[in-house]
Amino acid sequence: MGKFCEICGKGTLNGNLVSHSNRKTHTIWAPNVQNVRVMVNGASKRMNVCTACLRSGKVQRALPKTHATLEAEA
């Protein structure tokens, strides 16, 4: 579940590492996925988002509630 981006769908790729002697070793390349709080339809939600989507602005980060905002709401 944590190896793919919920925004763009980027996931793991598999293949072979090929040495100079042409030996093949199976490997998996995973995207840089971070579990972040993002705004979805006005509500904050935790999602797995790749760093390319974070840098490009495809998602809006949800700021955590601070102590001052919690006191103001009460």
C-alpha atoms as a PDB file:
ATOM      1  CA  MET A   1       0.000   0.000   0.000  1.00  0.00           C
ATOM      2  CA  GLY A   2       2.795   2.433   0.803  1.00  0.00           C
ATOM      3  CA  LYS A   3       4.760   1.974  -2.415  1.00  0.00           C
ATOM      4  CA  PHE A   4       2.556   4.017  -4.765  1.00  0.00           C
ATOM      5  CA  CYS A   5       1.407   7.618  -5.074  1.00  0.00           C
ATOM      6  CA  GLU A   6      -2.326   8.109  -4.522  1.00  0.00           C
ATOM      7  CA  ILE A   7      -2.285  11.266  -6.687  1.00  0.00           C
ATOM      8  CA  CYS A   8      -0.494  10.303  -9.902  1.00  0.00           C
ATOM      9  CA  GLY A   9      -0.491   6.499  -9.519  1.00  0.00           C
ATOM     10  CA  LYS A  10       3.280   6.191  -9.746  1.00  0.00           C
ATOM     11  CA  GLY A  11       4.300   2.793  -8.379  1.00  0.00           C
ATOM     12  CA  THR A  12       7.153   0.346  -8.199  1.00  0.00           C
ATOM     13  CA  LEU A  13       9.094  -0.840 -11.232  1.00  0.00           C
ATOM     14  CA  ASN A  14      10.938  -4.127 -11.426  1.00  0.00           C
ATOM     15  CA  GLY A  15      13.760  -5.321 -13.594  1.00  0.00           C
ATOM     16  CA  ASN A  16      17.293  -6.607 -13.580  1.00  0.00           C
ATOM     17  CA  LEU A  17      20.619  -5.192 -12.529  1.00  0.00           C
ATOM     18  CA  VAL A  18      23.073  -6.373 -15.191  1.00  0.00           C
ATOM     19  CA  SER A  19      26.731  -6.682 -14.242  1.00  0.00           C
ATOM     20  CA  HIS A  20      29.735  -6.395 -16.530  1.00  0.00           C
ATOM     21  CA  SER A  21      29.795 -10.206 -16.800  1.00  0.00           C
ATOM     22  CA  ASN A  22      26.109 -10.062 -17.860  1.00  0.00           C
ATOM     23  CA  ARG A  23      24.753 -11.669 -14.687  1.00  0.00           C
ATOM     24  CA  LYS A  24      21.204 -10.603 -13.864  1.00  0.00           C
ATOM     25  CA  THR A  25      20.007  -9.761 -10.372  1.00  0.00           C
ATOM     26  CA  HIS A  26      16.318  -9.017  -9.865  1.00  0.00           C
ATOM     27  CA  THR A  27      15.583  -5.651  -8.244  1.00  0.00           C
ATOM     28  CA  ILE A  28      12.700  -3.296  -7.490  1.00  0.00           C
ATOM     29  CA  TRP A  29      12.753   0.493  -7.875  1.00  0.00           C
ATOM     30  CA  ALA A  30      10.257   2.344  -5.697  1.00  0.00           C
ATOM     31  CA  PRO A  31       9.235   6.008  -5.930  1.00  0.00           C
ATOM     32  CA  ASN A  32       9.954   8.391  -3.076  1.00  0.00           C
ATOM     33  CA  VAL A  33       6.535   8.256  -1.387  1.00  0.00           C
ATOM     34  CA  GLN A  34       5.770  10.228   1.772  1.00  0.00           C
ATOM     35  CA  ASN A  35       2.758   9.886   4.054  1.00  0.00           C
ATOM     36  CA  VAL A  36       1.532  13.494   4.385  1.00  0.00           C
ATOM     37  CA  ARG A  37      -1.583  15.378   5.469  1.00  0.00           C
ATOM     38  CA  VAL A  38      -3.254  16.996   2.452  1.00  0.00           C
ATOM     39  CA  MET A  39      -6.453  18.975   1.916  1.00  0.00           C
ATOM     40  CA  VAL A  40      -9.134  16.934   0.100  1.00  0.00           C
ATOM     41  CA  ASN A  41     -12.539  18.587  -0.440  1.00  0.00           C
ATOM     42  CA  GLY A  42     -11.929  20.992   2.449  1.00  0.00           C
ATOM     43  CA  ALA A  43     -10.904  18.282   4.923  1.00  0.00           C
ATOM     44  CA  SER A  44      -7.430  17.115   5.886  1.00  0.00           C
ATOM     45  CA  LYS A  45      -6.569  13.525   5.052  1.00  0.00           C
ATOM     46  CA  ARG A  46      -3.417  11.416   5.263  1.00  0.00           C
ATOM     47  CA  MET A  47      -2.285  10.196   1.840  1.00  0.00           C
ATOM     48  CA  ASN A  48       0.763   8.568   0.292  1.00  0.00           C
ATOM     49  CA  VAL A  49       2.135  11.179  -2.121  1.00  0.00           C
ATOM     50  CA  CYS A  50       5.340  11.073  -4.183  1.00  0.00           C
ATOM     51  CA  THR A  51       7.767  13.955  -3.819  1.00  0.00           C
ATOM     52  CA  ALA A  52       7.291  14.935  -7.480  1.00  0.00           C
ATOM     53  CA  CYS A  53       3.608  15.684  -6.774  1.00  0.00           C
ATOM     54  CA  LEU A  54       4.553  17.597  -3.616  1.00  0.00           C
ATOM     55  CA  ARG A  55       7.082  19.758  -5.479  1.00  0.00           C
ATOM     56  CA  SER A  56       4.833  20.411  -8.482  1.00  0.00           C
ATOM     57  CA  GLY A  57       1.939  21.623  -6.328  1.00  0.00           C
ATOM     58  CA  LYS A  58      -0.540  18.909  -7.321  1.00  0.00           C
ATOM     59  CA  VAL A  59      -1.571  18.633  -3.667  1.00  0.00           C
ATOM     60  CA  GLN A  60      -2.069  21.244  -0.958  1.00  0.00           C
ATOM     61  CA  ARG A  61      -0.506  20.390   2.372  1.00  0.00           C
ATOM     62  CA  ALA A  62      -2.779  20.569   5.421  1.00  0.00           C
ATOM     63  CA  LEU A  63      -1.215  22.474   8.264  1.00  0.00           C
ATOM     64  CA  PRO A  64      -1.426  20.759  11.655  1.00  0.00           C
ATOM     65  CA  LYS A  65      -3.537  22.431  14.313  1.00  0.00           C
ATOM     66  CA  THR A  66      -1.405  24.436  16.720  1.00  0.00           C
ATOM     67  CA  HIS A  67      -2.052  24.986  20.389  1.00  0.00           C
ATOM     68  CA  ALA A  68      -3.221  28.577  19.752  1.00  0.00           C
ATOM     69  CA  THR A  69      -5.858  27.534  17.192  1.00  0.00           C
ATOM     70  CA  LEU A  70      -7.168  24.821  19.513  1.00  0.00           C
ATOM     71  CA  GLU A  71      -7.644  27.378  22.327  1.00  0.00           C
ATOM     72  CA  ALA A  72      -9.373  29.810  19.957  1.00  0.00           C
ATOM     73  CA  GLU A  73     -11.885  27.170  18.859  1.00  0.00           C
ATOM     74  CA  ALA A  74     -12.799  26.280  22.473  1.00  0.00           C
END
